[in-house]
């Protein structure tokens, strides 16, 4: 069974959702961990399938229209 997410994991995810290329040093300052701690947490979240690191295209630049819907549940 996957380890449950704690508050720090959730704050790291929030940081990445705001800016996916945010440096680990900035995330570390925002969540109160060392850079190495953030790096380990992100690696763990990725390995566990909680997050994916992907490139997102700009639909408008590609001549498409697209909508993103985000739902957060507790």
N, C-alpha and C. Protein backbone atom coordinates (compact mmCIF):
# COMPACT_ATOMS: atom_id res chain seq x y z
N UNK A 1 0.84 -1.19 0.00
CA UNK A 1 0.00 0.00 0.00
C UNK A 1 0.88 1.24 0.00
N UNK A 2 0.45 2.26 -0.73
CA UNK A 2 1.21 3.50 -0.79
C UNK A 2 1.18 4.25 0.53
N UNK A 3 2.30 4.86 0.83
CA UNK A 3 2.39 5.72 2.01
C UNK A 3 1.45 6.91 1.82
N UNK A 4 0.68 7.27 2.84
CA UNK A 4 -0.24 8.40 2.68
C UNK A 4 0.54 9.71 2.55
N UNK A 5 -0.07 10.68 1.88
CA UNK A 5 0.55 11.99 1.72
C UNK A 5 0.45 12.77 3.02
N UNK A 6 1.54 13.43 3.38
CA UNK A 6 1.48 14.29 4.56
C UNK A 6 1.39 15.75 4.09
N UNK A 7 1.35 16.67 5.05
CA UNK A 7 1.21 18.09 4.74
C UNK A 7 2.35 18.60 3.87
N UNK A 8 3.57 18.15 4.13
CA UNK A 8 4.73 18.61 3.35
C UNK A 8 4.61 18.12 1.90
N UNK A 9 4.22 16.87 1.70
CA UNK A 9 4.00 16.36 0.35
C UNK A 9 2.99 17.23 -0.39
N UNK A 10 1.91 17.55 0.27
CA UNK A 10 0.85 18.34 -0.35
C UNK A 10 1.35 19.74 -0.70
N UNK A 11 2.16 20.33 0.18
CA UNK A 11 2.70 21.67 -0.10
C UNK A 11 3.69 21.63 -1.26
N UNK A 12 4.48 20.56 -1.35
CA UNK A 12 5.39 20.41 -2.49
C UNK A 12 4.59 20.29 -3.78
N UNK A 13 3.54 19.49 -3.77
CA UNK A 13 2.69 19.34 -4.95
C UNK A 13 2.08 20.68 -5.33
N UNK A 14 1.61 21.44 -4.35
CA UNK A 14 1.04 22.77 -4.63
C UNK A 14 2.08 23.66 -5.31
N UNK A 15 3.32 23.63 -4.83
CA UNK A 15 4.39 24.42 -5.42
C UNK A 15 4.61 24.03 -6.89
N UNK A 16 4.64 22.74 -7.14
CA UNK A 16 4.86 22.26 -8.51
C UNK A 16 3.69 22.57 -9.43
N UNK A 17 2.48 22.56 -8.88
CA UNK A 17 1.31 22.88 -9.70
C UNK A 17 1.31 24.36 -10.08
N UNK A 18 1.82 25.21 -9.21
CA UNK A 18 1.92 26.64 -9.54
C UNK A 18 2.96 26.89 -10.62
N UNK A 19 4.10 26.19 -10.52
CA UNK A 19 5.20 26.36 -11.48
C UNK A 19 5.99 25.07 -11.52
N UNK A 20 5.75 24.27 -12.55
CA UNK A 20 6.35 22.96 -12.66
C UNK A 20 7.86 22.95 -12.76
N UNK A 21 8.45 24.08 -13.15
CA UNK A 21 9.90 24.15 -13.28
C UNK A 21 10.55 24.91 -12.13
N UNK A 22 9.80 25.11 -11.06
CA UNK A 22 10.32 25.81 -9.89
C UNK A 22 11.53 25.06 -9.35
N UNK A 23 12.63 25.76 -9.10
CA UNK A 23 13.83 25.09 -8.57
C UNK A 23 13.58 24.46 -7.19
N UNK A 24 14.26 23.35 -6.96
CA UNK A 24 14.14 22.68 -5.67
C UNK A 24 14.49 23.60 -4.50
N UNK A 25 15.44 24.52 -4.72
CA UNK A 25 15.82 25.44 -3.64
C UNK A 25 14.65 26.33 -3.25
N UNK A 26 13.88 26.80 -4.23
CA UNK A 26 12.71 27.64 -3.92
C UNK A 26 11.63 26.83 -3.22
N UNK A 27 11.40 25.62 -3.68
CA UNK A 27 10.40 24.76 -3.04
C UNK A 27 10.83 24.48 -1.60
N UNK A 28 12.11 24.20 -1.41
CA UNK A 28 12.63 23.91 -0.07
C UNK A 28 12.36 25.06 0.88
N UNK A 29 12.63 26.29 0.43
CA UNK A 29 12.37 27.47 1.28
C UNK A 29 10.88 27.58 1.61
N UNK A 30 10.04 27.32 0.61
CA UNK A 30 8.59 27.48 0.80
C UNK A 30 8.01 26.45 1.76
N UNK A 31 8.57 25.24 1.77
CA UNK A 31 7.98 24.18 2.59
C UNK A 31 8.79 23.85 3.85
N UNK A 32 9.95 24.50 4.01
CA UNK A 32 10.73 24.31 5.23
C UNK A 32 11.57 23.05 5.26
N UNK A 33 12.04 22.60 4.10
CA UNK A 33 12.93 21.44 4.03
C UNK A 33 14.25 21.85 3.38
N UNK A 34 15.22 20.95 3.41
CA UNK A 34 16.45 21.15 2.65
C UNK A 34 16.18 20.84 1.19
N UNK A 35 17.07 21.30 0.32
CA UNK A 35 16.93 20.98 -1.10
C UNK A 35 16.97 19.47 -1.31
N UNK A 36 17.87 18.79 -0.59
CA UNK A 36 17.97 17.32 -0.71
C UNK A 36 16.67 16.66 -0.26
N UNK A 37 16.07 17.19 0.79
CA UNK A 37 14.79 16.65 1.28
C UNK A 37 13.69 16.77 0.25
N UNK A 38 13.64 17.93 -0.41
CA UNK A 38 12.63 18.15 -1.46
C UNK A 38 12.89 17.20 -2.63
N UNK A 39 14.16 17.07 -3.01
CA UNK A 39 14.52 16.19 -4.13
C UNK A 39 14.08 14.75 -3.83
N UNK A 40 14.32 14.30 -2.60
CA UNK A 40 13.92 12.94 -2.20
C UNK A 40 12.40 12.79 -2.20
N UNK A 41 11.71 13.79 -1.69
CA UNK A 41 10.25 13.72 -1.65
C UNK A 41 9.66 13.66 -3.05
N UNK A 42 10.18 14.51 -3.96
CA UNK A 42 9.66 14.52 -5.33
C UNK A 42 9.96 13.19 -6.01
N UNK A 43 11.15 12.64 -5.78
CA UNK A 43 11.48 11.33 -6.36
C UNK A 43 10.53 10.26 -5.85
N UNK A 44 10.23 10.29 -4.55
CA UNK A 44 9.32 9.32 -3.96
C UNK A 44 7.91 9.48 -4.53
N UNK A 45 7.43 10.73 -4.63
CA UNK A 45 6.10 10.98 -5.17
C UNK A 45 6.00 10.50 -6.62
N UNK A 46 7.08 10.68 -7.37
CA UNK A 46 7.09 10.23 -8.77
C UNK A 46 7.11 8.71 -8.85
N UNK A 47 7.97 8.08 -8.06
CA UNK A 47 8.07 6.61 -8.08
C UNK A 47 6.77 5.94 -7.64
N UNK A 48 6.07 6.57 -6.70
CA UNK A 48 4.81 6.01 -6.20
C UNK A 48 3.65 6.30 -7.13
N UNK A 49 3.88 7.07 -8.19
CA UNK A 49 2.82 7.39 -9.14
C UNK A 49 1.88 8.47 -8.68
N UNK A 50 2.26 9.21 -7.63
CA UNK A 50 1.42 10.29 -7.13
C UNK A 50 1.47 11.48 -8.08
N UNK A 51 2.66 11.77 -8.62
CA UNK A 51 2.82 12.87 -9.57
C UNK A 51 3.54 12.36 -10.81
N UNK A 52 3.37 13.09 -11.90
CA UNK A 52 4.09 12.84 -13.14
C UNK A 52 4.72 14.16 -13.57
N UNK A 53 5.92 14.08 -14.09
CA UNK A 53 6.56 15.25 -14.65
C UNK A 53 6.35 15.19 -16.16
N UNK A 54 5.59 16.14 -16.69
CA UNK A 54 5.25 16.13 -18.11
C UNK A 54 5.41 17.54 -18.69
N UNK A 55 5.49 17.60 -19.99
CA UNK A 55 5.49 18.88 -20.70
C UNK A 55 4.07 19.14 -21.17
N UNK A 56 3.61 20.34 -20.96
CA UNK A 56 2.27 20.73 -21.41
C UNK A 56 2.41 21.68 -22.59
N UNK A 57 1.65 21.43 -23.62
CA UNK A 57 1.68 22.30 -24.79
C UNK A 57 0.70 23.46 -24.61
N UNK A 58 0.88 24.46 -25.41
CA UNK A 58 -0.06 25.57 -25.43
C UNK A 58 -1.07 25.29 -26.55
N UNK A 59 -2.30 24.95 -26.21
CA UNK A 59 -3.29 24.64 -27.25
C UNK A 59 -3.49 25.79 -28.23
N UNK A 60 -3.47 27.02 -27.74
CA UNK A 60 -3.67 28.17 -28.62
C UNK A 60 -2.53 28.28 -29.62
N UNK A 61 -1.29 28.05 -29.16
CA UNK A 61 -0.13 28.11 -30.06
C UNK A 61 -0.21 27.02 -31.12
N UNK A 62 -0.88 25.92 -30.80
CA UNK A 62 -1.03 24.82 -31.75
C UNK A 62 -2.31 24.93 -32.57
N UNK A 63 -3.06 26.02 -32.38
CA UNK A 63 -4.29 26.24 -33.14
C UNK A 63 -5.48 25.45 -32.63
N UNK A 64 -5.43 25.02 -31.37
CA UNK A 64 -6.53 24.25 -30.79
C UNK A 64 -7.17 25.03 -29.64
N UNK A 65 -8.32 24.58 -29.27
CA UNK A 65 -8.98 25.10 -28.08
C UNK A 65 -9.06 23.95 -27.09
N UNK A 66 -8.70 24.21 -25.85
CA UNK A 66 -8.69 23.15 -24.85
C UNK A 66 -9.06 23.75 -23.51
N UNK A 67 -9.72 22.96 -22.69
CA UNK A 67 -10.06 23.38 -21.34
C UNK A 67 -9.47 22.38 -20.35
N UNK A 68 -8.95 22.89 -19.27
CA UNK A 68 -8.44 22.05 -18.20
C UNK A 68 -9.37 22.20 -17.00
N UNK A 69 -9.74 21.09 -16.42
CA UNK A 69 -10.60 21.10 -15.25
C UNK A 69 -9.83 20.41 -14.13
N UNK A 70 -9.75 21.07 -13.00
CA UNK A 70 -9.05 20.51 -11.85
C UNK A 70 -10.06 20.33 -10.73
N UNK A 71 -10.05 19.15 -10.14
CA UNK A 71 -10.94 18.86 -9.03
C UNK A 71 -10.10 18.41 -7.86
N UNK A 72 -10.32 18.99 -6.70
CA UNK A 72 -9.60 18.61 -5.50
C UNK A 72 -10.61 18.07 -4.49
N UNK A 73 -10.37 16.88 -4.01
CA UNK A 73 -11.25 16.29 -3.01
C UNK A 73 -10.44 15.91 -1.79
N UNK A 74 -11.08 15.91 -0.67
CA UNK A 74 -10.39 15.53 0.57
C UNK A 74 -10.89 14.18 1.02
